[in-house]
Amino acid sequence: MKPEVLTICAFGPYQKKVCLDFSVLSEQPFFLIHGATGAGKTSIFDAICYALYGEAATEARTPRMLRNREAGPEDDTYVDLTFCVRDTHWHIRRNPEYMRKAKRGKGLARQAPEVLLERLENGRAAESWTRDGEVQARIVRLLGFQCKQFRQVVLLPQGEFRRFLMADTSARKEIMKVLFNTEIYQKLEDKLKAKAAEVSKSYEGIAEKQRLYLAEADAKDEAEFTALLKEREQQASILADRTAALQSRK
């Protein structure tokens, strides 16, 4: 996922509308967001994570805490993000719940949380989704990450990478599975295990038949069974010869 343009308004420490154009870094595989403490670095992570998942970059901040405290009732709070996934361009806009100026009359009214996700073709919306559940599911399918995994792998705000390193083995395994696309190897391993189980079951069936044959022949092992079989074949041959001799005398 490559962020292209991030627009923030009355969000976190950004009271006014701020537009960050990441497209100028399109040729760079990595980039660093740095600045003095309190400059708003983590809020940029919050904005990206909130736009995609409706949650902040850290669990300590809830969506209701993301509106700028100095914003007035006439100021809209929202995050607008254009991004690219595998050469397909997407646009998402999301706002948290907050109190705004009433559209009719005086006083304040509750602004409900809203989200809009669009798949873009030639800069225009080809498809769109506005239900939060549908948007969440599509984002997870697009990026391959749940919000918690996205925080740990894609965004590395203060202290979060250490949390990833300290995570238990099963949690890291799930993240690495998505990060390095190891699902194909997991499927291959599962198929090999299934084939091994099938061969083992077939072998057990053959071994059980062998035990039954040995028991019927009163033989202790395969070597003794082979000797008995050879002996009986010889006896059968002798009987066949005798039968043939008797029939020739008639």
Protein backbone atom coordinates (compact mmCIF):
# COMPACT_ATOMS: atom_id res chain seq x y z
CA MET A 1 0.00 0.00 0.00
CA LYS A 2 1.39 3.40 -1.05
CA PRO A 3 -0.16 6.55 0.40
CA GLU A 4 -0.52 9.26 -2.23
CA VAL A 5 -2.33 12.24 -0.71
CA LEU A 6 -3.40 12.63 2.93
CA THR A 7 -5.69 15.50 3.91
CA ILE A 8 -6.36 16.21 7.59
CA CYS A 9 -8.80 18.75 8.97
CA ALA A 10 -9.45 19.57 12.65
CA PHE A 11 -7.82 16.27 13.49
CA GLY A 12 -5.37 15.74 16.35
CA PRO A 13 -3.10 18.77 16.71
CA TYR A 14 -3.99 19.98 13.19
CA GLN A 15 -6.70 22.60 13.68
CA LYS A 16 -6.79 23.75 10.08
CA LYS A 17 -6.82 21.77 6.86
CA VAL A 18 -3.42 20.22 6.08
CA CYS A 19 -2.56 18.33 2.89
CA LEU A 20 0.42 15.94 2.75
CA ASP A 21 1.43 14.91 -0.77
CA PHE A 22 3.26 11.57 -0.48
CA SER A 23 3.28 11.13 -4.25
CA VAL A 24 6.53 13.13 -4.43
CA LEU A 25 8.11 10.15 -2.60
CA SER A 26 6.68 7.56 -5.00
CA GLU A 27 10.14 6.40 -6.08
CA GLN A 28 11.28 5.85 -2.49
CA PRO A 29 10.56 2.42 -0.93
CA PHE A 30 10.96 3.87 2.59
CA PHE A 31 10.62 7.29 4.11
CA LEU A 32 10.98 8.72 7.61
CA ILE A 33 8.62 11.10 9.38
CA HIS A 34 10.61 13.02 11.97
CA GLY A 35 10.33 16.13 14.06
CA ALA A 36 10.40 17.48 17.58
CA THR A 37 8.35 15.89 20.35
CA GLY A 38 4.75 17.07 20.07
CA ALA A 39 5.13 18.17 16.44
CA GLY A 40 2.34 15.84 15.33
CA LYS A 41 4.26 12.87 13.88
CA THR A 42 2.13 10.21 15.55
CA SER A 43 -1.00 12.08 14.50
CA ILE A 44 -0.06 11.47 10.86
CA PHE A 45 0.05 7.74 11.67
CA ASP A 46 -3.26 8.18 13.48
CA ALA A 47 -4.77 9.81 10.40
CA ILE A 48 -3.65 7.05 8.00
CA CYS A 49 -4.73 4.28 10.34
CA TYR A 50 -8.02 6.01 11.15
CA ALA A 51 -8.84 6.59 7.47
CA LEU A 52 -8.34 2.90 6.70
CA TYR A 53 -9.64 1.19 9.84
CA GLY A 54 -11.53 3.77 11.88
CA GLU A 55 -8.98 3.42 14.71
CA ALA A 56 -5.93 5.38 15.79
CA ALA A 57 -2.37 4.15 15.34
CA THR A 58 -2.17 3.39 19.06
CA GLU A 59 -4.82 1.69 21.14
CA ALA A 60 -4.64 4.42 23.80
CA ARG A 61 -6.49 6.91 21.56
CA THR A 62 -10.12 6.31 20.69
CA PRO A 63 -11.82 7.91 17.64
CA ARG A 64 -13.65 10.40 19.89
CA MET A 65 -10.30 11.68 21.12
CA LEU A 66 -9.08 12.55 17.61
CA ARG A 67 -10.98 15.82 17.02
CA ASN A 68 -8.86 18.90 17.51
CA ARG A 69 -9.67 20.55 20.85
CA GLU A 70 -9.42 24.06 19.43
CA ALA A 71 -11.76 23.36 16.50
CA GLY A 72 -14.93 25.41 16.49
CA PRO A 73 -18.46 24.13 15.83
CA GLU A 74 -18.17 25.31 12.22
CA ASP A 75 -14.99 23.25 11.61
CA ASP A 76 -15.42 19.84 10.02
CA THR A 77 -13.25 17.01 11.30
CA TYR A 78 -12.22 14.43 8.73
CA VAL A 79 -9.37 12.46 7.21
CA ASP A 80 -9.13 12.00 3.44
CA LEU A 81 -6.64 9.52 1.98
CA THR A 82 -5.82 8.53 -1.60
CA PHE A 83 -3.65 5.44 -1.86
CA CYS A 84 -2.52 2.78 -4.32
CA VAL A 85 -2.58 -1.02 -3.96
CA ARG A 86 -1.12 -3.15 -6.77
CA ASP A 87 -1.57 -0.40 -9.39
CA THR A 88 -5.20 0.21 -8.38
CA HIS A 89 -6.00 3.62 -6.91
CA TRP A 90 -8.39 4.07 -3.98
CA HIS A 91 -9.87 6.98 -2.07
CA ILE A 92 -11.24 6.86 1.46
CA ARG A 93 -12.74 9.62 3.59
CA ARG A 94 -13.76 9.17 7.21
CA ASN A 95 -14.89 11.36 10.07
CA PRO A 96 -15.36 10.58 13.77
CA GLU A 97 -18.35 11.50 15.89
CA TYR A 98 -18.29 15.09 17.11
CA MET A 99 -20.54 18.04 17.89
CA ARG A 100 -20.92 20.54 15.06
CA LYS A 101 -22.96 23.62 14.29
CA ALA A 102 -26.58 22.73 13.57
CA LYS A 103 -27.53 23.06 9.93
CA ARG A 104 -30.90 24.51 10.88
CA GLY A 105 -31.42 26.96 13.66
CA LYS A 106 -28.95 27.67 16.43
CA GLY A 107 -27.03 25.38 18.73
CA LEU A 108 -25.09 22.18 18.14
CA ALA A 109 -25.92 18.88 16.52
CA ARG A 110 -24.27 15.48 16.65
CA GLN A 111 -22.24 14.59 13.58
CA ALA A 112 -22.40 10.82 13.17
CA PRO A 113 -19.27 8.92 12.11
CA GLU A 114 -19.20 8.36 8.34
CA VAL A 115 -16.96 6.62 5.83
CA LEU A 116 -16.68 6.56 2.04
CA LEU A 117 -14.43 4.19 0.12
CA GLU A 118 -14.01 4.53 -3.65
CA ARG A 119 -12.13 2.57 -6.29
CA LEU A 120 -10.79 5.07 -8.78
CA GLU A 121 -10.42 4.80 -12.53
CA ASN A 122 -8.88 7.77 -14.34
CA GLY A 123 -9.32 9.82 -11.18
CA ARG A 124 -13.07 9.11 -10.89
CA ALA A 125 -15.03 6.74 -8.68
CA ALA A 126 -15.81 3.46 -10.45
CA GLU A 127 -17.20 1.77 -7.32
CA SER A 128 -18.03 3.05 -3.85
CA TRP A 129 -18.95 1.72 -0.41
CA THR A 130 -20.35 3.63 2.57
CA ARG A 131 -21.24 0.92 5.09
CA ASP A 132 -18.51 0.62 7.71
CA GLY A 133 -18.63 -3.20 7.79
CA GLU A 134 -18.22 -3.46 4.02
CA VAL A 135 -15.40 -0.91 4.03
CA GLN A 136 -13.59 -2.72 6.86
CA ALA A 137 -13.83 -6.08 5.08
CA ARG A 138 -12.63 -4.64 1.77
CA ILE A 139 -9.68 -2.85 3.38
CA VAL A 140 -8.59 -6.09 5.08
CA ARG A 141 -8.82 -7.95 1.75
CA LEU A 142 -6.91 -5.18 -0.03
CA LEU A 143 -4.07 -4.81 2.47
CA GLY A 144 -4.03 -8.31 3.95
CA PHE A 145 -3.86 -6.92 7.49
CA GLN A 146 -6.22 -6.49 10.38
CA CYS A 147 -5.82 -3.14 12.14
CA LYS A 148 -3.59 -4.56 14.88
CA GLN A 149 -1.26 -6.16 12.32
CA PHE A 150 -1.23 -2.96 10.23
CA ARG A 151 -0.11 -1.02 13.30
CA GLN A 152 2.72 -3.46 13.97
CA VAL A 153 4.03 -3.93 10.45
CA VAL A 154 3.16 -1.00 8.19
CA LEU A 155 3.12 1.83 10.73
CA LEU A 156 5.89 1.96 13.31
CA PRO A 157 4.96 4.73 15.75
CA GLN A 158 6.89 5.20 18.95
CA GLY A 159 7.26 1.91 20.82
CA GLU A 160 5.07 -0.13 18.46
CA PHE A 161 7.95 -1.98 16.75
CA ARG A 162 9.25 -3.07 20.12
CA ARG A 163 5.80 -4.47 20.88
CA PHE A 164 5.98 -6.47 17.65
CA LEU A 165 9.39 -7.86 18.59
CA MET A 166 8.11 -8.79 22.04
CA ALA A 167 4.92 -10.42 20.74
CA ASP A 168 4.46 -14.15 21.31
CA THR A 169 5.47 -16.65 18.64
CA SER A 170 1.96 -17.31 17.36
CA ALA A 171 1.26 -13.58 16.88
CA ARG A 172 4.52 -13.00 15.01
CA LYS A 173 3.87 -16.11 12.91
CA GLU A 174 0.51 -14.75 11.73
CA ILE A 175 2.04 -11.38 10.87
CA MET A 176 4.98 -12.93 9.00
CA LYS A 177 2.59 -15.20 7.12
CA VAL A 178 0.84 -12.15 5.71
CA LEU A 179 3.97 -10.01 5.33
CA PHE A 180 5.93 -12.59 3.31
CA ASN A 181 2.94 -14.24 1.61
CA THR A 182 3.75 -17.71 2.98
CA GLU A 183 0.20 -18.98 2.49
CA ILE A 184 1.22 -20.97 -0.61
CA TYR A 185 3.86 -22.81 1.44
CA GLN A 186 1.33 -23.49 4.17
CA LYS A 187 -1.01 -25.01 1.59
CA LEU A 188 1.84 -27.15 0.22
CA GLU A 189 2.70 -28.32 3.73
CA ASP A 190 -0.95 -29.20 4.40
CA LYS A 191 -1.14 -31.21 1.16
CA LEU A 192 2.06 -33.08 1.99
CA LYS A 193 0.74 -33.88 5.45
CA ALA A 194 -2.53 -35.13 3.96
CA LYS A 195 -0.63 -37.31 1.45
CA ALA A 196 1.63 -38.66 4.21
CA ALA A 197 -1.44 -39.52 6.29
CA GLU A 198 -2.99 -41.28 3.27
CA VAL A 199 0.18 -43.32 2.65
CA SER A 200 0.45 -44.16 6.35
CA LYS A 201 -3.16 -45.36 6.41
CA SER A 202 -2.59 -47.47 3.28
CA TYR A 203 0.57 -48.97 4.83
CA GLU A 204 -1.29 -49.86 8.03
CA GLY A 205 -3.95 -51.62 5.94
CA ILE A 206 -1.32 -53.66 4.08
CA ALA A 207 0.50 -54.45 7.33
CA GLU A 208 -2.76 -55.66 8.91
CA LYS A 209 -3.41 -57.99 5.95
CA GLN A 210 0.14 -59.30 6.25
CA ARG A 211 -0.41 -60.08 9.94
CA LEU A 212 -3.61 -61.94 9.09
CA TYR A 213 -1.89 -64.00 6.39
CA LEU A 214 0.96 -64.86 8.75
CA ALA A 215 -1.51 -65.89 11.45
CA GLU A 216 -3.48 -68.09 9.02
CA ALA A 217 -0.26 -69.73 7.85
CA ASP A 218 0.97 -70.09 11.44
CA ALA A 219 4.16 -68.26 10.53
CA LYS A 220 6.10 -65.97 12.81
CA ASP A 221 7.45 -63.64 10.11
CA GLU A 222 7.74 -63.11 6.38
CA ALA A 223 10.79 -65.37 6.04
CA GLU A 224 9.01 -68.27 7.72
CA PHE A 225 5.91 -67.60 5.62
CA THR A 226 8.03 -67.69 2.44
CA ALA A 227 9.61 -70.98 3.52
CA LEU A 228 6.21 -72.51 4.29
CA LEU A 229 4.84 -71.27 0.99
CA LYS A 230 7.79 -72.81 -0.88
CA GLU A 231 7.34 -76.06 1.00
CA ARG A 232 3.63 -76.20 0.19
CA GLU A 233 4.32 -75.35 -3.44
CA GLN A 234 6.72 -78.29 -3.54
CA GLN A 235 4.11 -80.54 -1.93
CA ALA A 236 1.53 -79.36 -4.46
CA SER A 237 3.95 -80.10 -7.28
CA ILE A 238 4.57 -83.64 -5.94
CA LEU A 239 0.82 -84.24 -5.63
CA ALA A 240 0.28 -82.95 -9.15
CA ASP A 241 2.95 -85.32 -10.48
CA ARG A 242 1.42 -88.28 -8.63
CA THR A 243 -2.04 -87.42 -9.90
CA ALA A 244 -0.76 -87.22 -13.43
CA ALA A 245 1.00 -90.62 -13.06
CA LEU A 246 -2.15 -92.26 -11.72
CA GLN A 247 -4.25 -90.90 -14.54
CA SER A 248 -1.74 -92.16 -17.13
CA ARG A 249 -2.07 -95.76 -15.80
CA LYS A 250 -5.78 -95.83 -16.44
